[in-house]
Amino acid sequence: YLAEYSLFSGDTLFCCSCGRTDFPSGSVE
C-alpha cells in the first residue's frame, strides 16, 4: 500500500531482505 511518501510492504520487502517464497502460492520469479 502506497500513501503519500510511505510504502507499506508487508512481507514483500524487508530491510536488506525480502519475504520467503517457499510457502504455498509463493514464487521466486
mmCIF file of all heavy atoms, coordinates in Angstrom:
data_MODEL
# 
_entry.id   MODEL 
# 
loop_
_atom_site.group_PDB 
_atom_site.id 
_atom_site.type_symbol 
_atom_site.label_atom_id 
_atom_site.label_alt_id 
_atom_site.label_comp_id 
_atom_site.label_asym_id 
_atom_site.label_entity_id 
_atom_site.label_seq_id 
_atom_site.pdbx_PDB_ins_code 
_atom_site.Cartn_x 
_atom_site.Cartn_y 
_atom_site.Cartn_z 
_atom_site.occupancy 
_atom_site.B_iso_or_equiv 
_atom_site.pdbx_formal_charge 
_atom_site.auth_seq_id 
_atom_site.auth_comp_id 
_atom_site.auth_asym_id 
_atom_site.auth_atom_id 
_atom_site.pdbx_PDB_model_num 
ATOM 1   N N   . TYR A 1 1  ? 0.854  -1.190  0.000   1.00 0.00 ? 1  TYR A N   1 
ATOM 2   C CA  . TYR A 1 1  ? 0.000  0.000   0.000   1.00 0.00 ? 1  TYR A CA  1 
ATOM 3   C C   . TYR A 1 1  ? 0.887  1.236   0.000   1.00 0.00 ? 1  TYR A C   1 
ATOM 4   O O   . TYR A 1 1  ? 1.814  1.346   0.814   1.00 0.00 ? 1  TYR A O   1 
ATOM 5   C CB  . TYR A 1 1  ? -0.916 -0.002  1.223   1.00 0.00 ? 1  TYR A CB  1 
ATOM 6   C CG  . TYR A 1 1  ? -1.909 -1.142  1.238   1.00 0.00 ? 1  TYR A CG  1 
ATOM 7   C CD1 . TYR A 1 1  ? -1.665 -2.289  1.995   1.00 0.00 ? 1  TYR A CD1 1 
ATOM 8   C CD2 . TYR A 1 1  ? -3.075 -1.082  0.490   1.00 0.00 ? 1  TYR A CD2 1 
ATOM 9   C CE1 . TYR A 1 1  ? -2.573 -3.347  2.005   1.00 0.00 ? 1  TYR A CE1 1 
ATOM 10  C CE2 . TYR A 1 1  ? -3.987 -2.141  0.489   1.00 0.00 ? 1  TYR A CE2 1 
ATOM 11  C CZ  . TYR A 1 1  ? -3.728 -3.262  1.248   1.00 0.00 ? 1  TYR A CZ  1 
ATOM 12  O OH  . TYR A 1 1  ? -4.620 -4.315  1.247   1.00 0.00 ? 1  TYR A OH  1 
ATOM 13  N N   . LEU A 1 2  ? 0.597  2.146   -0.913  1.00 0.00 ? 2  LEU A N   1 
ATOM 14  C CA  . LEU A 1 2  ? 1.381  3.370   -1.065  1.00 0.00 ? 2  LEU A CA  1 
ATOM 15  C C   . LEU A 1 2  ? 0.515  4.563   -0.676  1.00 0.00 ? 2  LEU A C   1 
ATOM 16  O O   . LEU A 1 2  ? -0.576 4.755   -1.228  1.00 0.00 ? 2  LEU A O   1 
ATOM 17  C CB  . LEU A 1 2  ? 1.828  3.506   -2.522  1.00 0.00 ? 2  LEU A CB  1 
ATOM 18  C CG  . LEU A 1 2  ? 2.879  4.556   -2.866  1.00 0.00 ? 2  LEU A CG  1 
ATOM 19  C CD1 . LEU A 1 2  ? 4.217  4.205   -2.205  1.00 0.00 ? 2  LEU A CD1 1 
ATOM 20  C CD2 . LEU A 1 2  ? 3.054  4.638   -4.377  1.00 0.00 ? 2  LEU A CD2 1 
ATOM 21  N N   . ALA A 1 3  ? 0.996  5.348   0.296   1.00 0.00 ? 3  ALA A N   1 
ATOM 22  C CA  . ALA A 1 3  ? 0.258  6.519   0.756   1.00 0.00 ? 3  ALA A CA  1 
ATOM 23  C C   . ALA A 1 3  ? 1.237  7.662   0.987   1.00 0.00 ? 3  ALA A C   1 
ATOM 24  O O   . ALA A 1 3  ? 2.149  7.540   1.806   1.00 0.00 ? 3  ALA A O   1 
ATOM 25  C CB  . ALA A 1 3  ? -0.502 6.211   2.047   1.00 0.00 ? 3  ALA A CB  1 
ATOM 26  N N   . GLU A 1 4  ? 1.070  8.736   0.237   1.00 0.00 ? 4  GLU A N   1 
ATOM 27  C CA  . GLU A 1 4  ? 1.987  9.870   0.280   1.00 0.00 ? 4  GLU A CA  1 
ATOM 28  C C   . GLU A 1 4  ? 3.432  9.377   0.110   1.00 0.00 ? 4  GLU A C   1 
ATOM 29  O O   . GLU A 1 4  ? 3.758  8.777   -0.896  1.00 0.00 ? 4  GLU A O   1 
ATOM 30  C CB  . GLU A 1 4  ? 1.776  10.685  1.556   1.00 0.00 ? 4  GLU A CB  1 
ATOM 31  C CG  . GLU A 1 4  ? 0.410  11.366  1.598   1.00 0.00 ? 4  GLU A CG  1 
ATOM 32  C CD  . GLU A 1 4  ? 0.246  12.324  2.749   1.00 0.00 ? 4  GLU A CD  1 
ATOM 33  O OE1 . GLU A 1 4  ? 1.152  12.457  3.600   1.00 0.00 ? 4  GLU A OE1 1 
ATOM 34  O OE2 . GLU A 1 4  ? -0.826 12.969  2.811   1.00 0.00 ? 4  GLU A OE2 1 
ATOM 35  N N   . TYR A 1 5  ? 4.280  9.584   1.102   1.00 0.00 ? 5  TYR A N   1 
ATOM 36  C CA  . TYR A 1 5  ? 5.683  9.172   0.974   1.00 0.00 ? 5  TYR A CA  1 
ATOM 37  C C   . TYR A 1 5  ? 5.971  7.892   1.756   1.00 0.00 ? 5  TYR A C   1 
ATOM 38  O O   . TYR A 1 5  ? 7.118  7.644   2.143   1.00 0.00 ? 5  TYR A O   1 
ATOM 39  C CB  . TYR A 1 5  ? 6.600  10.303  1.435   1.00 0.00 ? 5  TYR A CB  1 
ATOM 40  C CG  . TYR A 1 5  ? 6.423  11.551  0.616   1.00 0.00 ? 5  TYR A CG  1 
ATOM 41  C CD1 . TYR A 1 5  ? 5.730  12.639  1.132   1.00 0.00 ? 5  TYR A CD1 1 
ATOM 42  C CD2 . TYR A 1 5  ? 6.923  11.634  -0.686  1.00 0.00 ? 5  TYR A CD2 1 
ATOM 43  C CE1 . TYR A 1 5  ? 5.545  13.785  0.373   1.00 0.00 ? 5  TYR A CE1 1 
ATOM 44  C CE2 . TYR A 1 5  ? 6.748  12.771  -1.458  1.00 0.00 ? 5  TYR A CE2 1 
ATOM 45  C CZ  . TYR A 1 5  ? 6.057  13.842  -0.919  1.00 0.00 ? 5  TYR A CZ  1 
ATOM 46  O OH  . TYR A 1 5  ? 5.868  14.979  -1.670  1.00 0.00 ? 5  TYR A OH  1 
ATOM 47  N N   . SER A 1 6  ? 4.950  7.070   1.953   1.00 0.00 ? 6  SER A N   1 
ATOM 48  C CA  . SER A 1 6  ? 5.082  5.852   2.752   1.00 0.00 ? 6  SER A CA  1 
ATOM 49  C C   . SER A 1 6  ? 4.677  4.633   1.937   1.00 0.00 ? 6  SER A C   1 
ATOM 50  O O   . SER A 1 6  ? 3.659  4.644   1.247   1.00 0.00 ? 6  SER A O   1 
ATOM 51  C CB  . SER A 1 6  ? 4.198  5.946   4.001   1.00 0.00 ? 6  SER A CB  1 
ATOM 52  O OG  . SER A 1 6  ? 4.567  7.046   4.807   1.00 0.00 ? 6  SER A OG  1 
ATOM 53  N N   . LEU A 1 7  ? 5.483  3.587   2.039   1.00 0.00 ? 7  LEU A N   1 
ATOM 54  C CA  . LEU A 1 7  ? 5.205  2.312   1.385   1.00 0.00 ? 7  LEU A CA  1 
ATOM 55  C C   . LEU A 1 7  ? 5.069  1.244   2.459   1.00 0.00 ? 7  LEU A C   1 
ATOM 56  O O   . LEU A 1 7  ? 6.006  1.000   3.223   1.00 0.00 ? 7  LEU A O   1 
ATOM 57  C CB  . LEU A 1 7  ? 6.342  1.944   0.430   1.00 0.00 ? 7  LEU A CB  1 
ATOM 58  C CG  . LEU A 1 7  ? 6.255  0.586   -0.259  1.00 0.00 ? 7  LEU A CG  1 
ATOM 59  C CD1 . LEU A 1 7  ? 5.108  0.571   -1.259  1.00 0.00 ? 7  LEU A CD1 1 
ATOM 60  C CD2 . LEU A 1 7  ? 7.577  0.244   -0.956  1.00 0.00 ? 7  LEU A CD2 1 
ATOM 61  N N   . PHE A 1 8  ? 3.908  0.618   2.531   1.00 0.00 ? 8  PHE A N   1 
ATOM 62  C CA  . PHE A 1 8  ? 3.640  -0.439  3.499   1.00 0.00 ? 8  PHE A CA  1 
ATOM 63  C C   . PHE A 1 8  ? 3.817  -1.765  2.749   1.00 0.00 ? 8  PHE A C   1 
ATOM 64  O O   . PHE A 1 8  ? 2.976  -2.149  1.939   1.00 0.00 ? 8  PHE A O   1 
ATOM 65  C CB  . PHE A 1 8  ? 2.239  -0.282  4.084   1.00 0.00 ? 8  PHE A CB  1 
ATOM 66  C CG  . PHE A 1 8  ? 2.059  1.048   4.773   1.00 0.00 ? 8  PHE A CG  1 
ATOM 67  C CD1 . PHE A 1 8  ? 1.653  2.167   4.054   1.00 0.00 ? 8  PHE A CD1 1 
ATOM 68  C CD2 . PHE A 1 8  ? 2.318  1.185   6.120   1.00 0.00 ? 8  PHE A CD2 1 
ATOM 69  C CE1 . PHE A 1 8  ? 1.500  3.403   4.679   1.00 0.00 ? 8  PHE A CE1 1 
ATOM 70  C CE2 . PHE A 1 8  ? 2.178  2.412   6.762   1.00 0.00 ? 8  PHE A CE2 1 
ATOM 71  C CZ  . PHE A 1 8  ? 1.784  3.524   6.039   1.00 0.00 ? 8  PHE A CZ  1 
ATOM 72  N N   . SER A 1 9  ? 4.922  -2.443  3.044   1.00 0.00 ? 9  SER A N   1 
ATOM 73  C CA  . SER A 1 9  ? 5.387  -3.514  2.151   1.00 0.00 ? 9  SER A CA  1 
ATOM 74  C C   . SER A 1 9  ? 5.030  -4.922  2.606   1.00 0.00 ? 9  SER A C   1 
ATOM 75  O O   . SER A 1 9  ? 5.367  -5.888  1.915   1.00 0.00 ? 9  SER A O   1 
ATOM 76  C CB  . SER A 1 9  ? 6.904  -3.412  1.971   1.00 0.00 ? 9  SER A CB  1 
ATOM 77  O OG  . SER A 1 9  ? 7.581  -3.604  3.197   1.00 0.00 ? 9  SER A OG  1 
ATOM 78  N N   . GLY A 1 10 ? 4.372  -5.069  3.762   1.00 0.00 ? 10 GLY A N   1 
ATOM 79  C CA  . GLY A 1 10 ? 4.013  -6.407  4.215   1.00 0.00 ? 10 GLY A CA  1 
ATOM 80  C C   . GLY A 1 10 ? 5.227  -7.318  4.268   1.00 0.00 ? 10 GLY A C   1 
ATOM 81  O O   . GLY A 1 10 ? 6.285  -6.936  4.770   1.00 0.00 ? 10 GLY A O   1 
ATOM 82  N N   . ASP A 1 11 ? 5.086  -8.525  3.737   1.00 0.00 ? 11 ASP A N   1 
ATOM 83  C CA  . ASP A 1 11 ? 6.192  -9.479  3.715   1.00 0.00 ? 11 ASP A CA  1 
ATOM 84  C C   . ASP A 1 11 ? 6.823  -9.576  2.328   1.00 0.00 ? 11 ASP A C   1 
ATOM 85  O O   . ASP A 1 11 ? 7.398  -10.602 1.957   1.00 0.00 ? 11 ASP A O   1 
ATOM 86  C CB  . ASP A 1 11 ? 5.713  -10.860 4.167   1.00 0.00 ? 11 ASP A CB  1 
ATOM 87  C CG  . ASP A 1 11 ? 5.491  -10.922 5.670   1.00 0.00 ? 11 ASP A CG  1 
ATOM 88  O OD1 . ASP A 1 11 ? 5.607  -9.872  6.337   1.00 0.00 ? 11 ASP A OD1 1 
ATOM 89  O OD2 . ASP A 1 11 ? 5.178  -12.017 6.179   1.00 0.00 ? 11 ASP A OD2 1 
ATOM 90  N N   . THR A 1 12 ? 6.715  -8.499  1.553   1.00 0.00 ? 12 THR A N   1 
ATOM 91  C CA  . THR A 1 12 ? 7.388  -8.454  0.257   1.00 0.00 ? 12 THR A CA  1 
ATOM 92  C C   . THR A 1 12 ? 8.807  -7.931  0.416   1.00 0.00 ? 12 THR A C   1 
ATOM 93  O O   . THR A 1 12 ? 9.772  -8.621  0.087   1.00 0.00 ? 12 THR A O   1 
ATOM 94  C CB  . THR A 1 12 ? 6.595  -7.590  -0.742  1.00 0.00 ? 12 THR A CB  1 
ATOM 95  O OG1 . THR A 1 12 ? 5.315  -8.180  -0.971  1.00 0.00 ? 12 THR A OG1 1 
ATOM 96  C CG2 . THR A 1 12 ? 7.337  -7.488  -2.076  1.00 0.00 ? 12 THR A CG2 1 
ATOM 97  N N   . LEU A 1 13 ? 8.938  -6.732  0.934   1.00 0.00 ? 13 LEU A N   1 
ATOM 98  C CA  . LEU A 1 13 ? 10.247 -6.093  1.079   1.00 0.00 ? 13 LEU A CA  1 
ATOM 99  C C   . LEU A 1 13 ? 10.563 -5.870  2.548   1.00 0.00 ? 13 LEU A C   1 
ATOM 100 O O   . LEU A 1 13 ? 9.770  -5.270  3.274   1.00 0.00 ? 13 LEU A O   1 
ATOM 101 C CB  . LEU A 1 13 ? 10.259 -4.751  0.338   1.00 0.00 ? 13 LEU A CB  1 
ATOM 102 C CG  . LEU A 1 13 ? 11.522 -3.892  0.456   1.00 0.00 ? 13 LEU A CG  1 
ATOM 103 C CD1 . LEU A 1 13 ? 12.741 -4.622  -0.103  1.00 0.00 ? 13 LEU A CD1 1 
ATOM 104 C CD2 . LEU A 1 13 ? 11.316 -2.552  -0.239  1.00 0.00 ? 13 LEU A CD2 1 
ATOM 105 N N   . PHE A 1 14 ? 11.714 -6.363  2.984   1.00 0.00 ? 14 PHE A N   1 
ATOM 106 C CA  . PHE A 1 14 ? 12.237 -6.122  4.327   1.00 0.00 ? 14 PHE A CA  1 
ATOM 107 C C   . PHE A 1 14 ? 13.525 -5.313  4.218   1.00 0.00 ? 14 PHE A C   1 
ATOM 108 O O   . PHE A 1 14 ? 14.082 -5.155  3.133   1.00 0.00 ? 14 PHE A O   1 
ATOM 109 C CB  . PHE A 1 14 ? 12.548 -7.443  5.042   1.00 0.00 ? 14 PHE A CB  1 
ATOM 110 C CG  . PHE A 1 14 ? 11.356 -8.322  5.281   1.00 0.00 ? 14 PHE A CG  1 
ATOM 111 C CD1 . PHE A 1 14 ? 11.439 -9.687  5.045   1.00 0.00 ? 14 PHE A CD1 1 
ATOM 112 C CD2 . PHE A 1 14 ? 10.170 -7.802  5.761   1.00 0.00 ? 14 PHE A CD2 1 
ATOM 113 C CE1 . PHE A 1 14 ? 10.345 -10.517 5.274   1.00 0.00 ? 14 PHE A CE1 1 
ATOM 114 C CE2 . PHE A 1 14 ? 9.071  -8.627  5.995   1.00 0.00 ? 14 PHE A CE2 1 
ATOM 115 C CZ  . PHE A 1 14 ? 9.161  -9.986  5.751   1.00 0.00 ? 14 PHE A CZ  1 
ATOM 116 N N   . CYS A 1 15 ? 14.015 -4.848  5.353   1.00 0.00 ? 15 CYS A N   1 
ATOM 117 C CA  . CYS A 1 15 ? 15.288 -4.159  5.380   1.00 0.00 ? 15 CYS A CA  1 
ATOM 118 C C   . CYS A 1 15 ? 16.390 -5.139  4.965   1.00 0.00 ? 15 CYS A C   1 
ATOM 119 O O   . CYS A 1 15 ? 16.640 -6.141  5.643   1.00 0.00 ? 15 CYS A O   1 
ATOM 120 C CB  . CYS A 1 15 ? 15.565 -3.600  6.771   1.00 0.00 ? 15 CYS A CB  1 
ATOM 121 S SG  . CYS A 1 15 ? 17.118 -2.678  6.894   1.00 0.00 ? 15 CYS A SG  1 
ATOM 122 N N   . CYS A 1 16 ? 17.000 -4.891  3.811   1.00 0.00 ? 16 CYS A N   1 
ATOM 123 C CA  . CYS A 1 16 ? 18.074 -5.723  3.245   1.00 0.00 ? 16 CYS A CA  1 
ATOM 124 C C   . CYS A 1 16 ? 17.658 -7.175  3.022   1.00 0.00 ? 16 CYS A C   1 
ATOM 125 O O   . CYS A 1 16 ? 18.506 -8.076  3.026   1.00 0.00 ? 16 CYS A O   1 
ATOM 126 C CB  . CYS A 1 16 ? 19.325 -5.651  4.120   1.00 0.00 ? 16 CYS A CB  1 
ATOM 127 S SG  . CYS A 1 16 ? 20.154 -4.049  4.021   1.00 0.00 ? 16 CYS A SG  1 
ATOM 128 N N   . SER A 1 17 ? 16.375 -7.408  2.819   1.00 0.00 ? 17 SER A N   1 
ATOM 129 C CA  . SER A 1 17 ? 15.903 -8.768  2.582   1.00 0.00 ? 17 SER A CA  1 
ATOM 130 C C   . SER A 1 17 ? 14.549 -8.713  1.891   1.00 0.00 ? 17 SER A C   1 
ATOM 131 O O   . SER A 1 17 ? 14.067 -7.641  1.514   1.00 0.00 ? 17 SER A O   1 
ATOM 132 C CB  . SER A 1 17 ? 15.822 -9.542  3.908   1.00 0.00 ? 17 SER A CB  1 
ATOM 133 O OG  . SER A 1 17 ? 15.562 -10.916 3.670   1.00 0.00 ? 17 SER A OG  1 
ATOM 134 N N   . CYS A 1 18 ? 13.940 -9.885  1.738   1.00 0.00 ? 18 CYS A N   1 
ATOM 135 C CA  . CYS A 1 18 ? 12.588 -9.964  1.183   1.00 0.00 ? 18 CYS A CA  1 
ATOM 136 C C   . CYS A 1 18 ? 11.886 -11.160 1.806   1.00 0.00 ? 18 CYS A C   1 
ATOM 137 O O   . CYS A 1 18 ? 12.487 -11.958 2.522   1.00 0.00 ? 18 CYS A O   1 
ATOM 138 C CB  . CYS A 1 18 ? 12.624 -10.094 -0.342  1.00 0.00 ? 18 CYS A CB  1 
ATOM 139 S SG  . CYS A 1 18 ? 13.323 -11.636 -0.955  1.00 0.00 ? 18 CYS A SG  1 
ATOM 140 N N   . GLY A 1 19 ? 10.605 -11.287 1.533   1.00 0.00 ? 19 GLY A N   1 
ATOM 141 C CA  . GLY A 1 19 ? 9.816  -12.357 2.126   1.00 0.00 ? 19 GLY A CA  1 
ATOM 142 C C   . GLY A 1 19 ? 10.148 -13.726 1.558   1.00 0.00 ? 19 GLY A C   1 
ATOM 143 O O   . GLY A 1 19 ? 10.673 -13.851 0.446   1.00 0.00 ? 19 GLY A O   1 
ATOM 144 N N   . ARG A 1 20 ? 9.822  -14.743 2.332   1.00 0.00 ? 20 ARG A N   1 
ATOM 145 C CA  . ARG A 1 20 ? 10.025 -16.117 1.885   1.00 0.00 ? 20 ARG A CA  1 
ATOM 146 C C   . ARG A 1 20 ? 9.134  -16.431 0.689   1.00 0.00 ? 20 ARG A C   1 
ATOM 147 O O   . ARG A 1 20 ? 8.033  -15.907 0.555   1.00 0.00 ? 20 ARG A O   1 
ATOM 148 C CB  . ARG A 1 20 ? 9.713  -17.087 3.023   1.00 0.00 ? 20 ARG A CB  1 
ATOM 149 C CG  . ARG A 1 20 ? 10.699 -17.021 4.158   1.00 0.00 ? 20 ARG A CG  1 
ATOM 150 C CD  . ARG A 1 20 ? 10.288 -17.893 5.325   1.00 0.00 ? 20 ARG A CD  1 
ATOM 151 N NE  . ARG A 1 20 ? 10.148 -19.304 4.951   1.00 0.00 ? 20 ARG A NE  1 
ATOM 152 C CZ  . ARG A 1 20 ? 9.991  -20.292 5.825   1.00 0.00 ? 20 ARG A CZ  1 
ATOM 153 N NH1 . ARG A 1 20 ? 9.955  -20.021 7.121   1.00 0.00 ? 20 ARG A NH1 1 
ATOM 154 N NH2 . ARG A 1 20 ? 9.886  -21.543 5.400   1.00 0.00 ? 20 ARG A NH2 1 
ATOM 155 N N   . THR A 1 21 ? 9.618  -17.339 -0.146  1.00 0.00 ? 21 THR A N   1 
ATOM 156 C CA  . THR A 1 21 ? 8.852  -17.731 -1.328  1.00 0.00 ? 21 THR A CA  1 
ATOM 157 C C   . THR A 1 21 ? 8.540  -19.226 -1.343  1.00 0.00 ? 21 THR A C   1 
ATOM 158 O O   . THR A 1 21 ? 8.035  -19.733 -2.343  1.00 0.00 ? 21 THR A O   1 
ATOM 159 C CB  . THR A 1 21 ? 9.632  -17.380 -2.608  1.00 0.00 ? 21 THR A CB  1 
ATOM 160 O OG1 . THR A 1 21 ? 10.902 -18.032 -2.579  1.00 0.00 ? 21 THR A OG1 1 
ATOM 161 C CG2 . THR A 1 21 ? 9.835  -15.865 -2.721  1.00 0.00 ? 21 THR A CG2 1 
ATOM 162 N N   . ASP A 1 22 ? 8.818  -19.913 -0.234  1.00 0.00 ? 22 ASP A N   1 
ATOM 163 C CA  . ASP A 1 22 ? 8.659  -21.367 -0.210  1.00 0.00 ? 22 ASP A CA  1 
ATOM 164 C C   . ASP A 1 22 ? 7.335  -21.809 0.397   1.00 0.00 ? 22 ASP A C   1 
ATOM 165 O O   . ASP A 1 22 ? 7.120  -23.004 0.591   1.00 0.00 ? 22 ASP A O   1 
ATOM 166 C CB  . ASP A 1 22 ? 9.820  -22.027 0.538   1.00 0.00 ? 22 ASP A CB  1 
ATOM 167 C CG  . ASP A 1 22 ? 9.982  -21.524 1.964   1.00 0.00 ? 22 ASP A CG  1 
ATOM 168 O OD1 . ASP A 1 22 ? 9.518  -20.411 2.271   1.00 0.00 ? 22 ASP A OD1 1 
ATOM 169 O OD2 . ASP A 1 22 ? 10.591 -22.244 2.777   1.00 0.00 ? 22 ASP A OD2 1 
ATOM 170 N N   . PHE A 1 23 ? 6.441  -20.868 0.686   1.00 0.00 ? 23 PHE A N   1 
ATOM 171 C CA  . PHE A 1 23 ? 5.107  -21.226 1.150   1.00 0.00 ? 23 PHE A CA  1 
ATOM 172 C C   . PHE A 1 23 ? 4.196  -21.464 -0.054  1.00 0.00 ? 23 PHE A C   1 
ATOM 173 O O   . PHE A 1 23 ? 4.519  -21.039 -1.175  1.00 0.00 ? 23 PHE A O   1 
ATOM 174 C CB  . PHE A 1 23 ? 4.519  -20.112 2.020   1.00 0.00 ? 23 PHE A CB  1 
ATOM 175 C CG  . PHE A 1 23 ? 5.229  -19.901 3.331   1.00 0.00 ? 23 PHE A CG  1 
ATOM 176 C CD1 . PHE A 1 23 ? 5.632  -18.634 3.714   1.00 0.00 ? 23 PHE A CD1 1 
ATOM 177 C CD2 . PHE A 1 23 ? 5.490  -20.965 4.188   1.00 0.00 ? 23 PHE A CD2 1 
ATOM 178 C CE1 . PHE A 1 23 ? 6.274  -18.423 4.921   1.00 0.00 ? 23 PHE A CE1 1 
ATOM 179 C CE2 . PHE A 1 23 ? 6.133  -20.780 5.393   1.00 0.00 ? 23 PHE A CE2 1 
ATOM 180 C CZ  . PHE A 1 23 ? 6.530  -19.507 5.764   1.00 0.00 ? 23 PHE A CZ  1 
ATOM 181 N N   . PRO A 1 24 ? 3.049  -22.127 0.163   1.00 0.00 ? 24 PRO A N   1 
ATOM 182 C CA  . PRO A 1 24 ? 2.110  -22.315 -0.940  1.00 0.00 ? 24 PRO A CA  1 
ATOM 183 C C   . PRO A 1 24 ? 1.760  -20.993 -1.615  1.00 0.00 ? 24 PRO A C   1 
ATOM 184 O O   . PRO A 1 24 ? 1.511  -19.994 -0.941  1.00 0.00 ? 24 PRO A O   1 
ATOM 185 C CB  . PRO A 1 24 ? 0.876  -22.930 -0.258  1.00 0.00 ? 24 PRO A CB  1 
ATOM 186 C CG  . PRO A 1 24 ? 1.448  -23.675 0.906   1.00 0.00 ? 24 PRO A CG  1 
ATOM 187 C CD  . PRO A 1 24 ? 2.586  -22.810 1.400   1.00 0.00 ? 24 PRO A CD  1 
ATOM 188 N N   . SER A 1 25 ? 1.752  -20.990 -2.918  1.00 0.00 ? 25 SER A N   1 
ATOM 189 C CA  . SER A 1 25 ? 1.483  -19.867 -3.825  1.00 0.00 ? 25 SER A CA  1 
ATOM 190 C C   . SER A 1 25 ? 2.629  -18.867 -3.890  1.00 0.00 ? 25 SER A C   1 
ATOM 191 O O   . SER A 1 25 ? 2.545  -17.861 -4.601  1.00 0.00 ? 25 SER A O   1 
ATOM 192 C CB  . SER A 1 25 ? 0.153  -19.155 -3.514  1.00 0.00 ? 25 SER A CB  1 
ATOM 193 O OG  . SER A 1 25 ? 0.297  -18.128 -2.550  1.00 0.00 ? 25 SER A OG  1 
ATOM 194 N N   . GLY A 1 26 ? 3.723  -19.131 -3.188  1.00 0.00 ? 26 GLY A N   1 
ATOM 195 C CA  . GLY A 1 26 ? 4.907  -18.281 -3.303  1.00 0.00 ? 26 GLY A CA  1 
ATOM 196 C C   . GLY A 1 26 ? 5.666  -18.572 -4.588  1.00 0.00 ? 26 GLY A C   1 
ATOM 197 O O   . GLY A 1 26 ? 5.539  -19.644 -5.187  1.00 0.00 ? 26 GLY A O   1 
ATOM 198 N N   . SER A 1 27 ? 6.468  -17.615 -5.017  1.00 0.00 ? 27 SER A N   1 
ATOM 199 C CA  . SER A 1 27 ? 7.202  -17.771 -6.274  1.00 0.00 ? 27 SER A CA  1 
ATOM 200 C C   . SER A 1 27 ? 8.436  -16.880 -6.253  1.00 0.00 ? 27 SER A C   1 
ATOM 201 O O   . SER A 1 27 ? 8.317  -15.661 -6.056  1.00 0.00 ? 27 SER A O   1 
ATOM 202 C CB  . SER A 1 27 ? 6.314  -17.395 -7.464  1.00 0.00 ? 27 SER A CB  1 
ATOM 203 O OG  . SER A 1 27 ? 7.074  -17.188 -8.631  1.00 0.00 ? 27 SER A OG  1 
ATOM 204 N N   . VAL A 1 28 ? 9.616  -17.475 -6.490  1.00 0.00 ? 28 VAL A N   1 
ATOM 205 C CA  . VAL A 1 28 ? 10.846 -16.688 -6.576  1.00 0.00 ? 28 VAL A CA  1 
ATOM 206 C C   . VAL A 1 28 ? 10.769 -15.718 -7.751  1.00 0.00 ? 28 VAL A C   1 
ATOM 207 O O   . VAL A 1 28 ? 11.117 -14.536 -7.631  1.00 0.00 ? 28 VAL A O   1 
ATOM 208 C CB  . VAL A 1 28 ? 12.074 -17.609 -6.734  1.00 0.00 ? 28 VAL A CB  1 
ATOM 209 C CG1 . VAL A 1 28 ? 13.328 -16.788 -7.005  1.00 0.00 ? 28 VAL A CG1 1 
ATOM 210 C CG2 . VAL A 1 28 ? 12.262 -18.465 -5.491  1.00 0.00 ? 28 VAL A CG2 1 
ATOM 211 N N   . GLU A 1 29 ? 10.316 -16.197 -8.891  1.00 0.00 ? 29 GLU A N   1 
ATOM 212 C CA  . GLU A 1 29 ? 10.240 -15.350 -10.077 1.00 0.00 ? 29 GLU A CA  1 
ATOM 213 C C   . GLU A 1 29 ? 9.317  -14.157 -9.850  1.00 0.00 ? 29 GLU A C   1 
ATOM 214 O O   . GLU A 1 29 ? 9.659  -13.006 -10.191 1.00 0.00 ? 29 GLU A O   1 
ATOM 215 C CB  . GLU A 1 29 ? 9.752  -16.163 -11.275 1.00 0.00 ? 29 GLU A CB  1 
ATOM 216 C CG  . GLU A 1 29 ? 9.669  -15.355 -12.568 1.00 0.00 ? 29 GLU A CG  1 
ATOM 217 C CD  . GLU A 1 29 ? 9.197  -16.181 -13.755 1.00 0.00 ? 29 GLU A CD  1 
ATOM 218 O OE1 . GLU A 1 29 ? 8.912  -17.377 -13.587 1.00 0.00 ? 29 GLU A OE1 1 
ATOM 219 O OE2 . GLU A 1 29 ? 9.114  -15.598 -14.860 1.00 0.00 ? 29 GLU A OE2 1 
# 
